[in-house]
Amino acid sequence: MSDLTVIQVRSAIGSKPKHRGTLRALGLGRIGKTNTLPDRPEIRGMIQKVAHLIDVQED
């Protein structure tokens, strides 16, 4: 399985509480934070929900 590197590029201030929770579940919390996650359907769904706040790179 491949991995996904997720980088937060925009602030969560003013976002919906569910979006902030999704960022926390992805292991992010502030601009510039990165996390490497497995490429699974659950992770893809979370990424799709907060796509406007993050950048994703496939490893």
C-alpha atoms as a PDB file:
ATOM      1  CA  MET A   1       0.000   0.000   0.000  1.00  0.00           C
ATOM      2  CA  SER A   2       1.132   3.529  -0.679  1.00  0.00           C
ATOM      3  CA  ASP A   3       1.152   6.408   1.752  1.00  0.00           C
ATOM      4  CA  LEU A   4      -0.265   9.916   1.602  1.00  0.00           C
ATOM      5  CA  THR A   5       1.524  12.946   2.998  1.00  0.00           C
ATOM      6  CA  VAL A   6      -1.003  15.506   4.214  1.00  0.00           C
ATOM      7  CA  ILE A   7       0.055  19.130   4.830  1.00  0.00           C
ATOM      8  CA  GLN A   8      -2.197  21.767   6.386  1.00  0.00           C
ATOM      9  CA  VAL A   9      -1.939  24.961   4.327  1.00  0.00           C
ATOM     10  CA  ARG A  10      -4.896  27.029   5.583  1.00  0.00           C
ATOM     11  CA  SER A  11      -6.182  27.898   9.023  1.00  0.00           C
ATOM     12  CA  ALA A  12      -9.139  26.113  10.567  1.00  0.00           C
ATOM     13  CA  ILE A  13     -10.349  29.352  12.183  1.00  0.00           C
ATOM     14  CA  GLY A  14     -13.863  30.013  10.936  1.00  0.00           C
ATOM     15  CA  SER A  15     -14.320  26.437   9.743  1.00  0.00           C
ATOM     16  CA  LYS A  16     -17.163  24.237  10.867  1.00  0.00           C
ATOM     17  CA  PRO A  17     -16.518  22.239  14.044  1.00  0.00           C
ATOM     18  CA  LYS A  18     -16.729  18.970  12.084  1.00  0.00           C
ATOM     19  CA  HIS A  19     -13.957  20.184   9.764  1.00  0.00           C
ATOM     20  CA  ARG A  20     -11.750  21.060  12.734  1.00  0.00           C
ATOM     21  CA  GLY A  21     -12.387  17.597  14.158  1.00  0.00           C
ATOM     22  CA  THR A  22     -11.480  15.999  10.856  1.00  0.00           C
ATOM     23  CA  LEU A  23      -8.170  17.899  10.813  1.00  0.00           C
ATOM     24  CA  ARG A  24      -7.452  16.612  14.326  1.00  0.00           C
ATOM     25  CA  ALA A  25      -8.270  13.057  13.219  1.00  0.00           C
ATOM     26  CA  LEU A  26      -5.796  13.461  10.359  1.00  0.00           C
ATOM     27  CA  GLY A  27      -3.124  14.466  12.879  1.00  0.00           C
ATOM     28  CA  LEU A  28      -3.035  18.139  11.903  1.00  0.00           C
ATOM     29  CA  GLY A  29      -3.742  21.254  13.920  1.00  0.00           C
ATOM     30  CA  ARG A  30      -1.766  24.207  12.664  1.00  0.00           C
ATOM     31  CA  ILE A  31      -0.517  25.571   9.371  1.00  0.00           C
ATOM     32  CA  GLY A  32       2.594  23.776   8.128  1.00  0.00           C
ATOM     33  CA  LYS A  33       1.984  20.564  10.084  1.00  0.00           C
ATOM     34  CA  THR A  34       2.456  17.359   8.084  1.00  0.00           C
ATOM     35  CA  ASN A  35       1.440  13.769   8.648  1.00  0.00           C
ATOM     36  CA  THR A  36       1.942  10.562   6.673  1.00  0.00           C
ATOM     37  CA  LEU A  37      -1.113   8.314   6.521  1.00  0.00           C
ATOM     38  CA  PRO A  38      -1.949   5.029   4.770  1.00  0.00           C
ATOM     39  CA  ASP A  39      -3.920   5.285   1.531  1.00  0.00           C
ATOM     40  CA  ARG A  40      -7.275   3.837   2.644  1.00  0.00           C
ATOM     41  CA  PRO A  41     -10.863   4.743   1.726  1.00  0.00           C
ATOM     42  CA  GLU A  42     -11.560   6.160   5.219  1.00  0.00           C
ATOM     43  CA  ILE A  43      -8.572   8.483   4.991  1.00  0.00           C
ATOM     44  CA  ARG A  44      -9.523   9.525   1.441  1.00  0.00           C
ATOM     45  CA  GLY A  45     -12.991  10.469   2.693  1.00  0.00           C
ATOM     46  CA  MET A  46     -11.570  12.631   5.461  1.00  0.00           C
ATOM     47  CA  ILE A  47      -9.197  14.293   3.006  1.00  0.00           C
ATOM     48  CA  GLN A  48     -12.072  15.030   0.640  1.00  0.00           C
ATOM     49  CA  LYS A  49     -14.016  16.690   3.466  1.00  0.00           C
ATOM     50  CA  VAL A  50     -11.246  19.207   4.269  1.00  0.00           C
ATOM     51  CA  ALA A  51      -9.598  19.456   0.838  1.00  0.00           C
ATOM     52  CA  HIS A  52      -9.825  23.255   0.955  1.00  0.00           C
ATOM     53  CA  LEU A  53      -7.527  23.361   4.012  1.00  0.00           C
ATOM     54  CA  ILE A  54      -4.839  20.823   3.070  1.00  0.00           C
ATOM     55  CA  ASP A  55      -2.444  19.673   0.346  1.00  0.00           C
ATOM     56  CA  VAL A  56      -1.926  15.976  -0.376  1.00  0.00           C
ATOM     57  CA  GLN A  57       1.105  14.300  -1.904  1.00  0.00           C
ATOM     58  CA  GLU A  58       1.171  10.630  -2.841  1.00  0.00           C
ATOM     59  CA  ASP A  59       4.339   8.762  -1.859  1.00  0.00           C
END
